[in-house]
Amino acid sequence: MRAVSSPPRRVGVVGYSRYEALESTLERLLDVAARSGMEILAEPELIREGFTVQPLLSEALSTLDLLITLGGDGTLLRGARMVAPYGIPVLGVNLGRLGFLTAISPEEMEEGLR
């Protein structure tokens, strides 16, 4: 696995759009990114008007320092499959009720990125 720079600079985001907390969590992530100089690339279906992010396309996966998954365990597993060939670390943010694989809550995301 690739070592994570502290903090990561180029971060991909995948998510499950049916979670009510998705948009507010993305906004929180974009705020953290703006303050710390992170570049965010998100799945096109997650990008909303006014979000300053680039689309996360398959050819950009190998250039990421970190992949953040927003959702539950299924979202984490989907994201992990996407970046596994490149050894990219994955940070799972749990937007559901119970996650066995997702590591942190949206409130813990900024600290988790450190």
N, C-alpha and C. Protein backbone atom coordinates (compact mmCIF):
# COMPACT_ATOMS: atom_id res chain seq x y z
N MET A 1 0.84 -1.17 0.00
CA MET A 1 0.00 0.00 0.00
C MET A 1 0.89 1.24 0.00
N ARG A 2 0.43 2.26 -0.69
CA ARG A 2 1.13 3.53 -0.79
C ARG A 2 1.03 4.28 0.54
N ALA A 3 2.11 4.94 0.94
CA ALA A 3 2.08 5.74 2.16
C ALA A 3 1.24 6.99 1.94
N VAL A 4 0.52 7.40 2.98
CA VAL A 4 -0.31 8.59 2.90
C VAL A 4 0.51 9.80 3.30
N SER A 5 0.53 10.83 2.43
CA SER A 5 1.19 12.07 2.82
C SER A 5 0.32 12.73 3.89
N SER A 6 0.90 13.63 4.64
CA SER A 6 0.14 14.21 5.74
C SER A 6 -0.03 15.70 5.55
N PRO A 7 -1.17 16.22 5.27
CA PRO A 7 -2.37 15.53 4.86
C PRO A 7 -2.32 15.18 3.36
N PRO A 8 -3.21 14.33 2.91
CA PRO A 8 -3.22 14.00 1.48
C PRO A 8 -3.57 15.23 0.65
N ARG A 9 -3.02 15.31 -0.54
CA ARG A 9 -3.24 16.49 -1.39
C ARG A 9 -4.27 16.25 -2.49
N ARG A 10 -4.32 15.06 -3.03
CA ARG A 10 -5.23 14.74 -4.14
C ARG A 10 -6.15 13.62 -3.65
N VAL A 11 -7.42 13.96 -3.43
CA VAL A 11 -8.35 13.06 -2.76
C VAL A 11 -9.54 12.77 -3.66
N GLY A 12 -9.81 11.50 -3.87
CA GLY A 12 -11.00 11.08 -4.60
C GLY A 12 -12.14 10.82 -3.64
N VAL A 13 -13.37 11.02 -4.13
CA VAL A 13 -14.55 10.80 -3.30
C VAL A 13 -15.57 9.99 -4.08
N VAL A 14 -16.00 8.89 -3.48
CA VAL A 14 -17.12 8.12 -4.02
C VAL A 14 -18.19 8.08 -2.94
N GLY A 15 -19.43 7.96 -3.35
CA GLY A 15 -20.50 7.99 -2.35
C GLY A 15 -21.76 7.32 -2.84
N TYR A 16 -22.65 7.18 -1.90
CA TYR A 16 -23.96 6.60 -2.16
C TYR A 16 -24.96 7.73 -2.00
N SER A 17 -25.54 8.16 -3.10
CA SER A 17 -26.34 9.39 -3.13
C SER A 17 -27.65 9.32 -2.36
N ARG A 18 -28.08 8.16 -1.93
CA ARG A 18 -29.37 8.06 -1.22
C ARG A 18 -29.28 8.42 0.26
N TYR A 19 -28.08 8.62 0.77
CA TYR A 19 -27.96 9.01 2.17
C TYR A 19 -28.29 10.48 2.33
N GLU A 20 -29.14 10.77 3.30
CA GLU A 20 -29.57 12.14 3.55
C GLU A 20 -28.38 13.05 3.90
N ALA A 21 -27.41 12.52 4.60
CA ALA A 21 -26.27 13.32 5.06
C ALA A 21 -25.19 13.51 4.00
N LEU A 22 -25.38 12.98 2.81
CA LEU A 22 -24.32 13.04 1.79
C LEU A 22 -23.94 14.48 1.44
N GLU A 23 -24.90 15.31 1.12
CA GLU A 23 -24.59 16.66 0.67
C GLU A 23 -23.90 17.48 1.77
N SER A 24 -24.39 17.41 2.99
CA SER A 24 -23.75 18.18 4.07
C SER A 24 -22.35 17.65 4.37
N THR A 25 -22.15 16.34 4.22
CA THR A 25 -20.82 15.77 4.44
C THR A 25 -19.87 16.21 3.33
N LEU A 26 -20.35 16.24 2.10
CA LEU A 26 -19.52 16.75 1.00
C LEU A 26 -19.16 18.21 1.23
N GLU A 27 -20.11 19.01 1.67
CA GLU A 27 -19.83 20.42 1.95
C GLU A 27 -18.77 20.55 3.04
N ARG A 28 -18.87 19.73 4.06
CA ARG A 28 -17.87 19.74 5.14
C ARG A 28 -16.49 19.36 4.60
N LEU A 29 -16.45 18.34 3.75
CA LEU A 29 -15.19 17.91 3.15
C LEU A 29 -14.59 19.02 2.28
N LEU A 30 -15.42 19.69 1.50
CA LEU A 30 -14.92 20.77 0.64
C LEU A 30 -14.37 21.93 1.47
N ASP A 31 -14.98 22.19 2.61
CA ASP A 31 -14.47 23.23 3.51
C ASP A 31 -13.09 22.85 4.05
N VAL A 32 -12.96 21.61 4.49
CA VAL A 32 -11.67 21.12 4.98
C VAL A 32 -10.63 21.19 3.87
N ALA A 33 -11.02 20.79 2.67
CA ALA A 33 -10.11 20.79 1.52
C ALA A 33 -9.63 22.20 1.20
N ALA A 34 -10.52 23.16 1.22
CA ALA A 34 -10.16 24.54 0.91
C ALA A 34 -9.17 25.10 1.93
N ARG A 35 -9.36 24.75 3.20
CA ARG A 35 -8.47 25.23 4.25
C ARG A 35 -7.11 24.55 4.24
N SER A 36 -7.04 23.32 3.73
CA SER A 36 -5.79 22.58 3.81
C SER A 36 -5.11 22.37 2.45
N GLY A 37 -5.68 22.93 1.40
CA GLY A 37 -5.04 22.84 0.09
C GLY A 37 -5.22 21.51 -0.62
N MET A 38 -6.25 20.76 -0.24
CA MET A 38 -6.51 19.48 -0.91
C MET A 38 -7.27 19.72 -2.21
N GLU A 39 -6.97 18.90 -3.20
CA GLU A 39 -7.71 18.88 -4.45
C GLU A 39 -8.69 17.71 -4.37
N ILE A 40 -9.97 17.99 -4.60
CA ILE A 40 -11.00 16.97 -4.49
C ILE A 40 -11.50 16.59 -5.88
N LEU A 41 -11.54 15.28 -6.13
CA LEU A 41 -12.12 14.72 -7.34
C LEU A 41 -13.26 13.81 -6.90
N ALA A 42 -14.47 14.07 -7.37
CA ALA A 42 -15.64 13.31 -6.92
C ALA A 42 -16.32 12.64 -8.10
N GLU A 43 -16.99 11.53 -7.79
CA GLU A 43 -17.79 10.88 -8.81
C GLU A 43 -18.75 11.91 -9.41
N PRO A 44 -18.90 11.92 -10.72
CA PRO A 44 -19.74 12.94 -11.36
C PRO A 44 -21.14 13.05 -10.78
N GLU A 45 -21.76 11.94 -10.37
CA GLU A 45 -23.12 12.01 -9.84
C GLU A 45 -23.19 12.67 -8.46
N LEU A 46 -22.05 12.89 -7.82
CA LEU A 46 -22.03 13.55 -6.51
C LEU A 46 -21.85 15.06 -6.62
N ILE A 47 -21.43 15.54 -7.77
CA ILE A 47 -21.11 16.95 -7.94
C ILE A 47 -22.39 17.76 -8.07
N ARG A 48 -22.51 18.77 -7.23
CA ARG A 48 -23.66 19.68 -7.24
C ARG A 48 -23.20 21.05 -7.73
N GLU A 49 -24.14 21.85 -8.18
CA GLU A 49 -23.83 23.20 -8.61
C GLU A 49 -23.20 23.97 -7.44
N GLY A 50 -22.11 24.65 -7.73
CA GLY A 50 -21.41 25.41 -6.70
C GLY A 50 -20.27 24.64 -6.04
N PHE A 51 -20.19 23.33 -6.25
CA PHE A 51 -19.08 22.55 -5.69
C PHE A 51 -17.85 22.76 -6.57
N THR A 52 -16.74 23.07 -5.97
CA THR A 52 -15.50 23.27 -6.72
C THR A 52 -14.68 21.99 -6.69
N VAL A 53 -15.13 21.03 -7.46
CA VAL A 53 -14.44 19.75 -7.55
C VAL A 53 -14.34 19.33 -9.00
N GLN A 54 -13.37 18.47 -9.25
CA GLN A 54 -13.22 17.89 -10.57
C GLN A 54 -13.91 16.53 -10.57
N PRO A 55 -14.36 16.07 -11.73
CA PRO A 55 -14.94 14.73 -11.78
C PRO A 55 -13.87 13.66 -11.58
N LEU A 56 -14.21 12.64 -10.84
CA LEU A 56 -13.31 11.50 -10.63
C LEU A 56 -13.54 10.51 -11.75
N LEU A 57 -12.63 10.48 -12.69
CA LEU A 57 -12.71 9.56 -13.82
C LEU A 57 -11.71 8.44 -13.61
N SER A 58 -11.92 7.32 -14.26
CA SER A 58 -11.09 6.13 -14.03
C SER A 58 -9.61 6.40 -14.29
N GLU A 59 -9.29 7.25 -15.27
CA GLU A 59 -7.88 7.52 -15.56
C GLU A 59 -7.19 8.34 -14.47
N ALA A 60 -7.94 8.93 -13.55
CA ALA A 60 -7.34 9.71 -12.47
C ALA A 60 -7.10 8.89 -11.21
N LEU A 61 -7.63 7.68 -11.14
CA LEU A 61 -7.53 6.88 -9.91
C LEU A 61 -6.09 6.67 -9.47
N SER A 62 -5.21 6.40 -10.39
CA SER A 62 -3.81 6.10 -10.02
C SER A 62 -3.07 7.32 -9.48
N THR A 63 -3.62 8.52 -9.64
CA THR A 63 -2.95 9.74 -9.20
C THR A 63 -3.39 10.19 -7.81
N LEU A 64 -4.32 9.47 -7.19
CA LEU A 64 -4.84 9.88 -5.89
C LEU A 64 -3.88 9.56 -4.76
N ASP A 65 -3.93 10.38 -3.72
CA ASP A 65 -3.22 10.09 -2.47
C ASP A 65 -4.11 9.32 -1.51
N LEU A 66 -5.44 9.49 -1.68
CA LEU A 66 -6.41 8.89 -0.76
C LEU A 66 -7.77 8.84 -1.47
N LEU A 67 -8.56 7.83 -1.14
CA LEU A 67 -9.95 7.76 -1.58
C LEU A 67 -10.83 7.79 -0.35
N ILE A 68 -11.82 8.69 -0.34
CA ILE A 68 -12.79 8.75 0.74
C ILE A 68 -14.10 8.18 0.21
N THR A 69 -14.70 7.29 1.00
CA THR A 69 -16.01 6.76 0.64
C THR A 69 -17.04 7.34 1.60
N LEU A 70 -18.15 7.81 1.06
CA LEU A 70 -19.23 8.38 1.85
C LEU A 70 -20.44 7.49 1.70
N GLY A 71 -20.76 6.75 2.75
CA GLY A 71 -21.88 5.81 2.69
C GLY A 71 -21.74 4.76 3.75
N GLY A 72 -21.92 3.52 3.33
CA GLY A 72 -21.81 2.40 4.25
C GLY A 72 -20.74 1.44 3.80
N ASP A 73 -20.83 0.22 4.31
CA ASP A 73 -19.82 -0.78 3.98
C ASP A 73 -19.80 -1.12 2.49
N GLY A 74 -20.96 -1.15 1.85
CA GLY A 74 -21.02 -1.45 0.41
C GLY A 74 -20.29 -0.39 -0.40
N THR A 75 -20.44 0.87 -0.02
CA THR A 75 -19.75 1.96 -0.71
C THR A 75 -18.26 1.84 -0.50
N LEU A 76 -17.85 1.50 0.71
CA LEU A 76 -16.42 1.32 0.99
C LEU A 76 -15.84 0.20 0.14
N LEU A 77 -16.55 -0.91 0.05
CA LEU A 77 -16.06 -2.03 -0.75
C LEU A 77 -15.97 -1.67 -2.23
N ARG A 78 -16.96 -0.92 -2.73
CA ARG A 78 -16.93 -0.48 -4.13
C ARG A 78 -15.72 0.43 -4.37
N GLY A 79 -15.49 1.37 -3.48
CA GLY A 79 -14.34 2.26 -3.61
C GLY A 79 -13.02 1.52 -3.51
N ALA A 80 -12.94 0.58 -2.59
CA ALA A 80 -11.70 -0.19 -2.42
C ALA A 80 -11.37 -0.98 -3.68
N ARG A 81 -12.39 -1.55 -4.33
CA ARG A 81 -12.15 -2.27 -5.59
C ARG A 81 -11.62 -1.33 -6.68
N MET A 82 -12.09 -0.09 -6.67
CA MET A 82 -11.66 0.87 -7.69
C MET A 82 -10.17 1.19 -7.58
N VAL A 83 -9.67 1.34 -6.35
CA VAL A 83 -8.29 1.80 -6.17
C VAL A 83 -7.30 0.70 -5.77
N ALA A 84 -7.79 -0.50 -5.54
CA ALA A 84 -6.91 -1.61 -5.12
C ALA A 84 -5.74 -1.83 -6.07
N PRO A 85 -5.91 -1.76 -7.39
CA PRO A 85 -4.76 -1.98 -8.27
C PRO A 85 -3.63 -0.97 -8.10
N TYR A 86 -3.94 0.17 -7.49
CA TYR A 86 -2.95 1.24 -7.36
C TYR A 86 -2.42 1.39 -5.93
N GLY A 87 -2.91 0.60 -5.01
CA GLY A 87 -2.45 0.67 -3.62
C GLY A 87 -2.85 1.95 -2.92
N ILE A 88 -3.95 2.54 -3.32
CA ILE A 88 -4.41 3.80 -2.72
C ILE A 88 -5.15 3.49 -1.42
N PRO A 89 -4.81 4.18 -0.31
CA PRO A 89 -5.55 3.97 0.94
C PRO A 89 -6.98 4.51 0.83
N VAL A 90 -7.86 3.91 1.62
CA VAL A 90 -9.28 4.26 1.61
C VAL A 90 -9.70 4.65 3.02
N LEU A 91 -10.42 5.77 3.13
CA LEU A 91 -10.99 6.21 4.40
C LEU A 91 -12.50 6.17 4.26
N GLY A 92 -13.15 5.32 5.05
CA GLY A 92 -14.60 5.18 4.97
C GLY A 92 -15.31 6.06 5.98
N VAL A 93 -16.21 6.92 5.47
CA VAL A 93 -17.03 7.77 6.33
C VAL A 93 -18.44 7.17 6.33
N ASN A 94 -18.91 6.79 7.50
CA ASN A 94 -20.19 6.11 7.64
C ASN A 94 -21.33 7.11 7.67
N LEU A 95 -22.22 7.01 6.69
CA LEU A 95 -23.40 7.87 6.66
C LEU A 95 -24.66 7.11 7.06
N GLY A 96 -24.51 5.84 7.36
CA GLY A 96 -25.66 5.02 7.74
C GLY A 96 -25.75 4.85 9.24
N ARG A 97 -26.47 3.81 9.62
CA ARG A 97 -26.66 3.54 11.04
C ARG A 97 -25.52 2.75 11.64
N LEU A 98 -25.14 1.67 10.97
CA LEU A 98 -24.12 0.79 11.52
C LEU A 98 -23.17 0.40 10.40
N GLY A 99 -21.90 0.65 10.60
CA GLY A 99 -20.91 0.25 9.61
C GLY A 99 -19.82 -0.55 10.29
N PHE A 100 -19.52 -1.69 9.73
CA PHE A 100 -18.44 -2.51 10.30
C PHE A 100 -17.10 -2.13 9.70
N LEU A 101 -17.11 -1.66 8.46
CA LEU A 101 -15.86 -1.34 7.75
C LEU A 101 -15.59 0.15 7.69
N THR A 102 -16.64 0.96 7.69
CA THR A 102 -16.44 2.40 7.63
C THR A 102 -15.88 2.88 8.95
N ALA A 103 -14.80 3.66 8.87
CA ALA A 103 -14.00 3.95 10.05
C ALA A 103 -14.51 5.12 10.90
N ILE A 104 -15.10 6.12 10.27
CA ILE A 104 -15.40 7.34 11.02
C ILE A 104 -16.77 7.89 10.67
N SER A 105 -17.26 8.78 11.52
CA SER A 105 -18.52 9.49 11.26
C SER A 105 -18.19 10.79 10.53
N PRO A 106 -19.19 11.45 9.94
CA PRO A 106 -18.92 12.73 9.29
C PRO A 106 -18.29 13.75 10.23
N GLU A 107 -18.68 13.73 11.50
CA GLU A 107 -18.13 14.67 12.47
C GLU A 107 -16.65 14.43 12.74
N GLU A 108 -16.18 13.21 12.51
CA GLU A 108 -14.78 12.86 12.76
C GLU A 108 -13.91 12.96 11.51
N MET A 109 -14.51 13.37 10.39
CA MET A 109 -13.80 13.33 9.10
C MET A 109 -12.54 14.19 9.09
N GLU A 110 -12.62 15.41 9.58
CA GLU A 110 -11.44 16.29 9.52
C GLU A 110 -10.29 15.69 10.31
N GLU A 111 -10.57 15.17 11.49
CA GLU A 111 -9.52 14.54 12.29
C GLU A 111 -9.00 13.28 11.61
N GLY A 112 -9.89 12.52 11.00
CA GLY A 112 -9.47 11.33 10.27
C GLY A 112 -8.54 11.63 9.11
N LEU A 113 -8.71 12.77 8.48
CA LEU A 113 -7.84 13.15 7.37
C LEU A 113 -6.44 13.51 7.84
N ARG A 114 -6.34 13.95 9.08
CA ARG A 114 -5.01 14.28 9.62
C ARG A 114 -4.22 13.00 9.81
